[in-house]
Amino acid sequence: MQTGTAPTEATRSGILTTLGATVGLAFGPSVIANLTVTAYITPIEQEFGWLRSDVSFAFSLVAYMIVVMSPLQGMLVDRFGPRRVVLTSIPLFALSLAAIYFTPNNIYIYYFLWALVPIAGLGLWPLGYLQAVTPWFDRKLGLALGCANAGIGVGSTFLPMLVIGPIIAAYSWRHAVLGIALLVLFVSWPIVAYCLREPSVAEVAARKLTAAGKSFGLAFKQAAREPTFWMLNLGFFLLGVTATSLVTQQVPLLRDAGWTVDETTRLQTTFGFGLLFARVAVGFVIDHIFAPRVLTTVSIGGAVACVLYALYPDLGYVSAILIGFLLGAEFDVLAFLIKRYYGNVAYGRIYGVIFGVFYLGSAVGI
């Protein structure tokens, strides 16, 4: 934890900021516009009579917009600070979700409304929250980032079970999106506004001096010439093509196989649990086991999940938890490998590029 004249206050600020980041990510676009959208596909198909590929293309657009927005998010956070960017983005994100409630029977307006979501939620992708947490911690930074990132698992586990599934069953997919928008505005925003803290100017300056003394590794141009850099980009592109795109389709696939709404809601919760478990556990495991072996293992599990979905849909819960393990592990491993291979001089740029390539793969895969 960062030291100073008031370590107790710094500790409290660090804990609160981590809590705020956890809640913000649980109600953020990574969960709401990516990992839980699978529940909407079948109801939208039924209401408008559109093809599944046409309905799903909206979520490809979301992924493409993430690729475009990621660099801009980093620039805004660096210039204005994470707190200001995050708190501005939350109500805009809520409004963009609420607008989807009014989707007419016009597929181009439907595409436009979904494409607005990642733009409105510009500051709410994980990088913004993780940059808010980082200044408060030194020795326990990994644990703090792991707890913050666990918010994505928490949201993926509980939103389908407690909000999205029940509202779709009782009302419609429109009401589910509207309900999520209200939760973002009236639950996430006040908690994040209260919890998210930023160090004083003097503390930031002192930390920059300390960080400069500890900087090591390759500049971005040097890293981009390393074979491992291109291997990581290719690997994460393929993970986006397969794992992330499958998450958006698993509910309609199983509805075609005869599953009920309640069963697919439980499947989404199972997926979220797998993701949450991996987020918490993998950070500990890769301190003791060679990280590429960990990612290889969960990737094999993801391949098994694809086979099970294709041939044995009754084993969907097993498939969902395997995909959850994979998506929960991959970015923990990526963060670890970037630091190990390239150091921290260009950490943010390298992470941002591979993050964007991953979502490009997701867009293509959907």
Protein backbone atom coordinates (compact mmCIF):
# COMPACT_ATOMS: atom_id res chain seq x y z
CA MET A 1 0.00 0.00 0.00
CA GLN A 2 1.22 3.48 -0.69
CA THR A 3 2.96 5.02 2.32
CA GLY A 4 2.73 8.60 3.58
CA THR A 5 1.89 10.76 6.57
CA ALA A 6 -1.56 9.21 6.85
CA PRO A 7 -1.25 5.51 6.04
CA THR A 8 -4.61 4.72 7.60
CA GLU A 9 -6.40 7.13 5.27
CA ALA A 10 -4.40 5.83 2.30
CA THR A 11 -5.35 2.27 3.22
CA ARG A 12 -9.01 3.23 3.49
CA SER A 13 -8.89 5.06 0.15
CA GLY A 14 -7.23 2.10 -1.54
CA ILE A 15 -9.81 -0.36 -0.21
CA LEU A 16 -12.73 1.89 -1.16
CA THR A 17 -11.32 2.49 -4.64
CA THR A 18 -10.94 -1.26 -5.16
CA LEU A 19 -14.53 -1.80 -4.00
CA GLY A 20 -15.76 0.93 -6.34
CA ALA A 21 -13.88 -0.65 -9.24
CA THR A 22 -15.38 -4.06 -8.43
CA VAL A 23 -18.93 -2.66 -8.45
CA GLY A 24 -18.27 -0.56 -11.54
CA LEU A 25 -16.95 -3.51 -13.51
CA ALA A 26 -19.85 -5.71 -12.35
CA PHE A 27 -22.25 -3.17 -13.91
CA GLY A 28 -19.95 -2.20 -16.78
CA PRO A 29 -20.04 -2.78 -20.53
CA SER A 30 -17.69 -5.77 -20.34
CA VAL A 31 -20.54 -7.63 -18.63
CA ILE A 32 -23.64 -5.89 -19.96
CA ALA A 33 -22.64 -5.35 -23.59
CA ASN A 34 -20.55 -8.47 -24.02
CA LEU A 35 -20.81 -11.40 -21.61
CA THR A 36 -24.57 -11.37 -20.93
CA VAL A 37 -26.01 -10.30 -24.32
CA THR A 38 -26.62 -13.93 -25.29
CA ALA A 39 -29.89 -13.84 -23.30
CA TYR A 40 -31.38 -11.21 -25.63
CA ILE A 41 -30.77 -12.91 -28.97
CA THR A 42 -33.66 -15.39 -29.04
CA PRO A 43 -36.32 -12.89 -27.80
CA ILE A 44 -35.17 -10.32 -30.39
CA GLU A 45 -35.34 -12.97 -33.12
CA GLN A 46 -38.86 -13.87 -32.08
CA GLU A 47 -40.11 -10.29 -31.85
CA PHE A 48 -38.77 -8.99 -35.17
CA GLY A 49 -38.39 -12.18 -37.21
CA TRP A 50 -34.77 -11.36 -38.05
CA LEU A 51 -32.13 -14.01 -38.72
CA ARG A 52 -29.86 -14.91 -35.82
CA SER A 53 -26.82 -13.81 -37.80
CA ASP A 54 -28.46 -10.40 -38.32
CA VAL A 55 -29.35 -10.05 -34.64
CA SER A 56 -25.86 -11.11 -33.56
CA PHE A 57 -24.12 -8.67 -35.91
CA ALA A 58 -25.02 -5.91 -33.42
CA PHE A 59 -22.62 -7.50 -30.95
CA SER A 60 -19.93 -7.68 -33.62
CA LEU A 61 -20.39 -3.93 -33.97
CA VAL A 62 -19.96 -3.55 -30.22
CA ALA A 63 -16.67 -5.43 -30.43
CA TYR A 64 -15.47 -3.36 -33.40
CA MET A 65 -16.25 -0.17 -31.49
CA ILE A 66 -14.24 -1.44 -28.52
CA VAL A 67 -11.24 -1.80 -30.84
CA VAL A 68 -11.68 1.83 -31.91
CA MET A 69 -12.44 3.23 -28.45
CA SER A 70 -9.69 1.51 -26.43
CA PRO A 71 -6.86 3.90 -27.42
CA LEU A 72 -9.11 6.93 -26.85
CA GLN A 73 -10.00 5.70 -23.36
CA GLY A 74 -6.32 5.54 -22.42
CA MET A 75 -5.71 9.08 -23.69
CA LEU A 76 -8.68 10.52 -21.79
CA VAL A 77 -7.78 8.75 -18.55
CA ASP A 78 -4.18 9.95 -18.80
CA ARG A 79 -5.32 13.53 -19.38
CA PHE A 80 -8.30 13.91 -17.04
CA GLY A 81 -7.79 11.09 -14.51
CA PRO A 82 -9.85 7.92 -14.15
CA ARG A 83 -12.41 9.28 -11.68
CA ARG A 84 -13.64 12.08 -13.93
CA VAL A 85 -13.77 9.87 -17.02
CA VAL A 86 -15.55 7.01 -15.22
CA LEU A 87 -18.15 9.20 -13.51
CA THR A 88 -18.95 10.98 -16.78
CA SER A 89 -19.29 7.68 -18.66
CA ILE A 90 -21.63 5.87 -16.24
CA PRO A 91 -24.78 8.01 -16.84
CA LEU A 92 -24.06 8.14 -20.58
CA PHE A 93 -23.75 4.35 -20.62
CA ALA A 94 -27.05 4.02 -18.72
CA LEU A 95 -28.80 6.32 -21.20
CA SER A 96 -27.45 4.34 -24.17
CA LEU A 97 -28.87 1.14 -22.65
CA ALA A 98 -32.21 2.79 -21.92
CA ALA A 99 -32.41 3.93 -25.56
CA ILE A 100 -32.35 0.27 -26.67
CA TYR A 101 -35.73 -0.16 -24.97
CA PHE A 102 -37.24 1.93 -27.81
CA THR A 103 -35.75 -0.17 -30.65
CA PRO A 104 -38.19 -0.13 -33.62
CA ASN A 105 -38.59 -2.84 -36.24
CA ASN A 106 -35.69 -1.38 -38.20
CA ILE A 107 -32.47 -3.36 -38.12
CA TYR A 108 -30.27 -0.37 -38.96
CA ILE A 109 -31.54 1.62 -35.98
CA TYR A 110 -31.05 -1.52 -33.89
CA TYR A 111 -27.42 -1.67 -35.03
CA PHE A 112 -26.95 2.06 -34.42
CA LEU A 113 -28.26 1.87 -30.85
CA TRP A 114 -25.98 -1.02 -29.93
CA ALA A 115 -22.99 0.66 -31.59
CA LEU A 116 -23.57 3.69 -29.33
CA VAL A 117 -23.20 1.58 -26.17
CA PRO A 118 -19.39 1.14 -26.20
CA ILE A 119 -18.98 4.80 -27.19
CA ALA A 120 -21.14 6.01 -24.30
CA GLY A 121 -19.36 3.58 -21.96
CA LEU A 122 -15.94 4.74 -23.17
CA GLY A 123 -14.42 5.18 -19.71
CA LEU A 124 -15.86 1.99 -18.21
CA TRP A 125 -13.71 -0.70 -19.84
CA PRO A 126 -11.37 -2.36 -17.32
CA LEU A 127 -8.35 -0.15 -18.03
CA GLY A 128 -10.04 2.93 -16.52
CA TYR A 129 -10.89 1.22 -13.23
CA LEU A 130 -7.54 -0.56 -12.98
CA GLN A 131 -5.71 2.74 -13.45
CA ALA A 132 -7.77 4.13 -10.57
CA VAL A 133 -6.74 1.26 -8.30
CA THR A 134 -3.02 1.17 -9.21
CA PRO A 135 -1.82 4.40 -7.49
CA TRP A 136 -2.98 3.21 -4.07
CA PHE A 137 -0.97 -0.01 -3.94
CA ASP A 138 2.61 -1.25 -4.12
CA ARG A 139 3.17 -4.60 -2.44
CA LYS A 140 -0.42 -5.85 -2.76
CA LEU A 141 -1.15 -4.42 -6.20
CA GLY A 142 -1.75 -7.85 -7.77
CA LEU A 143 -4.32 -8.78 -5.14
CA ALA A 144 -6.07 -5.42 -5.49
CA LEU A 145 -6.26 -5.70 -9.27
CA GLY A 146 -7.53 -9.26 -8.96
CA CYS A 147 -10.30 -8.16 -6.60
CA ALA A 148 -11.28 -5.31 -8.93
CA ASN A 149 -11.29 -7.60 -11.98
CA ALA A 150 -13.44 -10.08 -10.08
CA GLY A 151 -16.29 -7.61 -10.55
CA ILE A 152 -16.66 -8.88 -14.12
CA GLY A 153 -17.17 -12.38 -12.75
CA VAL A 154 -19.62 -11.13 -10.12
CA GLY A 155 -21.71 -9.33 -12.73
CA SER A 156 -21.61 -12.29 -15.14
CA THR A 157 -22.75 -14.60 -12.34
CA PHE A 158 -25.56 -12.64 -10.72
CA LEU A 159 -27.05 -10.30 -13.34
CA PRO A 160 -28.43 -13.16 -15.50
CA MET A 161 -29.78 -15.00 -12.45
CA LEU A 162 -31.24 -12.09 -10.50
CA VAL A 163 -32.10 -9.49 -13.15
CA ILE A 164 -31.92 -10.37 -16.83
CA GLY A 165 -33.44 -13.86 -16.81
CA PRO A 166 -36.36 -13.13 -14.44
CA ILE A 167 -37.29 -9.87 -16.21
CA ILE A 168 -37.22 -11.47 -19.66
CA ALA A 169 -39.38 -14.33 -18.38
CA ALA A 170 -41.87 -11.98 -16.69
CA TYR A 171 -41.90 -9.09 -19.17
CA SER A 172 -39.56 -8.82 -22.19
CA TRP A 173 -35.97 -8.32 -23.31
CA ARG A 174 -36.69 -4.57 -23.56
CA HIS A 175 -37.62 -4.38 -19.89
CA ALA A 176 -34.48 -6.36 -18.99
CA VAL A 177 -32.24 -3.84 -20.77
CA LEU A 178 -34.13 -0.96 -19.15
CA GLY A 179 -33.81 -2.59 -15.72
CA ILE A 180 -30.06 -2.94 -16.22
CA ALA A 181 -29.85 0.73 -17.24
CA LEU A 182 -31.60 1.77 -14.02
CA LEU A 183 -29.22 -0.35 -11.94
CA VAL A 184 -26.23 1.21 -13.65
CA LEU A 185 -27.51 4.72 -12.95
CA PHE A 186 -28.95 4.32 -9.45
CA VAL A 187 -26.71 1.61 -7.96
CA SER A 188 -23.38 1.66 -9.77
CA TRP A 189 -23.01 5.43 -10.16
CA PRO A 190 -23.50 6.47 -6.50
CA ILE A 191 -21.30 3.64 -5.19
CA VAL A 192 -18.51 4.40 -7.64
CA ALA A 193 -18.85 8.16 -7.00
CA TYR A 194 -18.41 7.60 -3.26
CA CYS A 195 -15.69 4.95 -3.41
CA LEU A 196 -13.41 5.90 -6.30
CA ARG A 197 -10.59 8.08 -4.92
CA GLU A 198 -7.55 9.74 -6.49
CA PRO A 199 -4.28 10.57 -4.69
CA SER A 200 -3.31 14.19 -4.18
CA VAL A 201 -1.00 15.95 -6.65
CA ALA A 202 1.92 15.57 -4.22
CA GLU A 203 1.26 11.84 -3.81
CA VAL A 204 1.07 11.36 -7.58
CA ALA A 205 4.34 13.23 -8.10
CA ALA A 206 6.08 11.16 -5.42
CA ARG A 207 4.78 7.94 -6.96
CA LYS A 208 5.97 8.97 -10.42
CA LEU A 209 9.48 9.50 -9.07
CA THR A 210 9.37 6.06 -7.42
CA ALA A 211 7.97 4.44 -10.55
CA ALA A 212 10.63 6.08 -12.73
CA GLY A 213 13.29 4.54 -10.53
CA LYS A 214 11.68 1.12 -10.88
CA SER A 215 10.95 1.27 -14.62
CA PHE A 216 12.48 -1.51 -16.68
CA GLY A 217 11.92 -3.33 -19.92
CA LEU A 218 11.39 -2.58 -23.59
CA ALA A 219 9.94 0.43 -25.35
CA PHE A 220 6.86 -0.30 -27.45
CA LYS A 221 8.78 -0.25 -30.75
CA GLN A 222 11.28 -2.72 -29.36
CA ALA A 223 8.56 -4.98 -27.98
CA ALA A 224 6.73 -4.93 -31.32
CA ARG A 225 9.81 -6.47 -32.95
CA GLU A 226 9.79 -9.44 -30.57
CA PRO A 227 8.34 -12.72 -31.92
CA THR A 228 6.50 -13.25 -28.62
CA PHE A 229 4.56 -10.00 -29.18
CA TRP A 230 3.11 -11.29 -32.45
CA MET A 231 2.49 -14.73 -30.97
CA LEU A 232 0.48 -13.14 -28.16
CA ASN A 233 -1.51 -11.04 -30.63
CA LEU A 234 -2.28 -14.09 -32.76
CA GLY A 235 -3.18 -16.21 -29.73
CA PHE A 236 -5.54 -13.63 -28.27
CA PHE A 237 -7.10 -12.92 -31.65
CA LEU A 238 -7.96 -16.63 -31.91
CA LEU A 239 -9.28 -16.65 -28.34
CA GLY A 240 -11.57 -13.77 -29.29
CA VAL A 241 -12.72 -15.58 -32.44
CA THR A 242 -13.67 -18.69 -30.46
CA ALA A 243 -14.33 -18.22 -26.76
CA THR A 244 -15.81 -14.72 -26.59
CA SER A 245 -17.96 -15.15 -29.68
CA LEU A 246 -19.29 -18.46 -28.34
CA VAL A 247 -20.39 -16.75 -25.13
CA THR A 248 -22.72 -14.49 -27.12
CA GLN A 249 -24.33 -17.53 -28.80
CA GLN A 250 -24.55 -20.19 -26.10
CA VAL A 251 -28.09 -19.36 -24.94
CA PRO A 252 -29.74 -19.35 -28.41
CA LEU A 253 -27.80 -22.51 -29.34
CA LEU A 254 -29.18 -24.32 -26.32
CA ARG A 255 -32.68 -22.90 -26.80
CA ASP A 256 -32.55 -24.53 -30.25
CA ALA A 257 -31.56 -27.76 -28.49
CA GLY A 258 -34.74 -27.61 -26.37
CA TRP A 259 -33.52 -25.88 -23.21
CA THR A 260 -35.99 -23.68 -21.31
CA VAL A 261 -35.47 -20.04 -20.33
CA ASP A 262 -34.85 -21.04 -16.69
CA GLU A 263 -32.26 -23.62 -17.73
CA THR A 264 -30.34 -21.18 -19.92
CA THR A 265 -30.46 -18.57 -17.12
CA ARG A 266 -28.83 -21.10 -14.79
CA LEU A 267 -26.31 -21.83 -17.53
CA GLN A 268 -25.35 -18.14 -17.67
CA THR A 269 -24.92 -18.14 -13.91
CA THR A 270 -22.72 -21.23 -14.16
CA PHE A 271 -20.60 -19.48 -16.79
CA GLY A 272 -20.27 -16.44 -14.53
CA PHE A 273 -19.21 -18.59 -11.60
CA GLY A 274 -16.49 -20.21 -13.73
CA LEU A 275 -15.26 -16.79 -14.82
CA LEU A 276 -15.31 -15.45 -11.26
CA PHE A 277 -13.45 -18.48 -9.88
CA ALA A 278 -10.77 -18.21 -12.57
CA ARG A 279 -10.30 -14.48 -11.97
CA VAL A 280 -9.60 -15.09 -8.31
CA ALA A 281 -7.63 -18.34 -8.60
CA VAL A 282 -5.42 -17.86 -11.65
CA GLY A 283 -3.47 -14.96 -10.19
CA PHE A 284 -2.39 -17.23 -7.35
CA VAL A 285 -1.69 -20.22 -9.60
CA ILE A 286 0.57 -18.41 -12.08
CA ASP A 287 2.87 -17.41 -9.24
CA HIS A 288 3.66 -21.12 -8.86
CA ILE A 289 3.08 -22.67 -12.31
CA PHE A 290 4.51 -21.54 -15.68
CA ALA A 291 1.80 -19.13 -16.94
CA PRO A 292 1.65 -20.36 -20.58
CA ARG A 293 0.90 -23.86 -19.27
CA VAL A 294 -2.03 -22.47 -17.31
CA LEU A 295 -3.44 -20.73 -20.39
CA THR A 296 -2.81 -23.83 -22.51
CA THR A 297 -4.76 -25.94 -20.03
CA VAL A 298 -7.81 -23.68 -19.93
CA SER A 299 -7.64 -23.29 -23.73
CA ILE A 300 -7.88 -27.05 -24.10
CA GLY A 301 -10.91 -26.87 -21.81
CA GLY A 302 -12.41 -24.22 -24.12
CA ALA A 303 -11.87 -26.50 -27.13
CA VAL A 304 -13.60 -29.33 -25.27
CA ALA A 305 -16.50 -26.96 -24.55
CA CYS A 306 -16.90 -26.26 -28.28
CA VAL A 307 -17.06 -29.98 -29.02
CA LEU A 308 -19.57 -30.56 -26.24
CA TYR A 309 -21.83 -27.75 -27.48
CA ALA A 310 -21.73 -29.24 -30.98
CA LEU A 311 -22.28 -32.91 -30.11
CA TYR A 312 -23.62 -33.10 -26.54
CA PRO A 313 -25.70 -30.00 -25.75
CA ASP A 314 -27.11 -31.71 -22.65
CA LEU A 315 -23.68 -31.15 -21.12
CA GLY A 316 -24.07 -27.39 -21.55
CA TYR A 317 -23.33 -26.63 -17.90
CA VAL A 318 -19.94 -28.31 -18.24
CA SER A 319 -19.26 -26.35 -21.42
CA ALA A 320 -20.29 -23.06 -19.79
CA ILE A 321 -17.98 -23.50 -16.82
CA LEU A 322 -15.05 -24.46 -19.10
CA ILE A 323 -15.60 -21.33 -21.20
CA GLY A 324 -15.86 -19.33 -17.97
CA PHE A 325 -12.51 -20.68 -16.81
CA LEU A 326 -10.94 -19.67 -20.13
CA LEU A 327 -12.32 -16.13 -20.21
CA GLY A 328 -11.53 -15.64 -16.53
CA ALA A 329 -7.93 -16.76 -16.94
CA GLU A 330 -6.83 -15.21 -20.19
CA PHE A 331 -6.33 -11.57 -19.19
CA ASP A 332 -4.79 -12.44 -15.82
CA VAL A 333 -2.23 -14.47 -17.76
CA LEU A 334 -1.80 -11.72 -20.35
CA ALA A 335 -1.06 -9.09 -17.69
CA PHE A 336 1.47 -11.44 -16.10
CA LEU A 337 3.19 -12.29 -19.40
CA ILE A 338 3.50 -8.68 -20.56
CA LYS A 339 5.26 -7.74 -17.33
CA ARG A 340 7.49 -10.83 -17.52
CA TYR A 341 8.44 -10.48 -21.21
CA TYR A 342 8.56 -6.72 -21.75
CA GLY A 343 8.71 -5.02 -18.34
CA ASN A 344 6.65 -1.98 -17.41
CA VAL A 345 8.05 0.78 -19.65
CA ALA A 346 5.36 0.34 -22.33
CA TYR A 347 2.99 -1.87 -20.35
CA GLY A 348 -0.18 0.14 -21.07
CA ARG A 349 0.36 0.41 -24.82
CA ILE A 350 1.22 -3.27 -25.22
CA TYR A 351 -1.79 -4.33 -23.16
CA GLY A 352 -4.05 -1.97 -25.09
CA VAL A 353 -2.96 -3.30 -28.48
CA ILE A 354 -3.49 -6.95 -27.53
CA PHE A 355 -6.82 -6.09 -25.84
CA GLY A 356 -7.96 -4.44 -29.08
CA VAL A 357 -6.81 -7.39 -31.20
CA PHE A 358 -8.72 -9.74 -28.88
CA TYR A 359 -11.97 -7.82 -29.45
CA LEU A 360 -11.29 -7.66 -33.17
CA GLY A 361 -11.23 -11.47 -33.08
CA SER A 362 -14.46 -11.44 -31.08
CA ALA A 363 -16.16 -9.26 -33.69
CA VAL A 364 -15.07 -11.59 -36.51
CA GLY A 365 -16.03 -14.70 -34.53
CA ILE A 366 -19.56 -13.53 -33.75
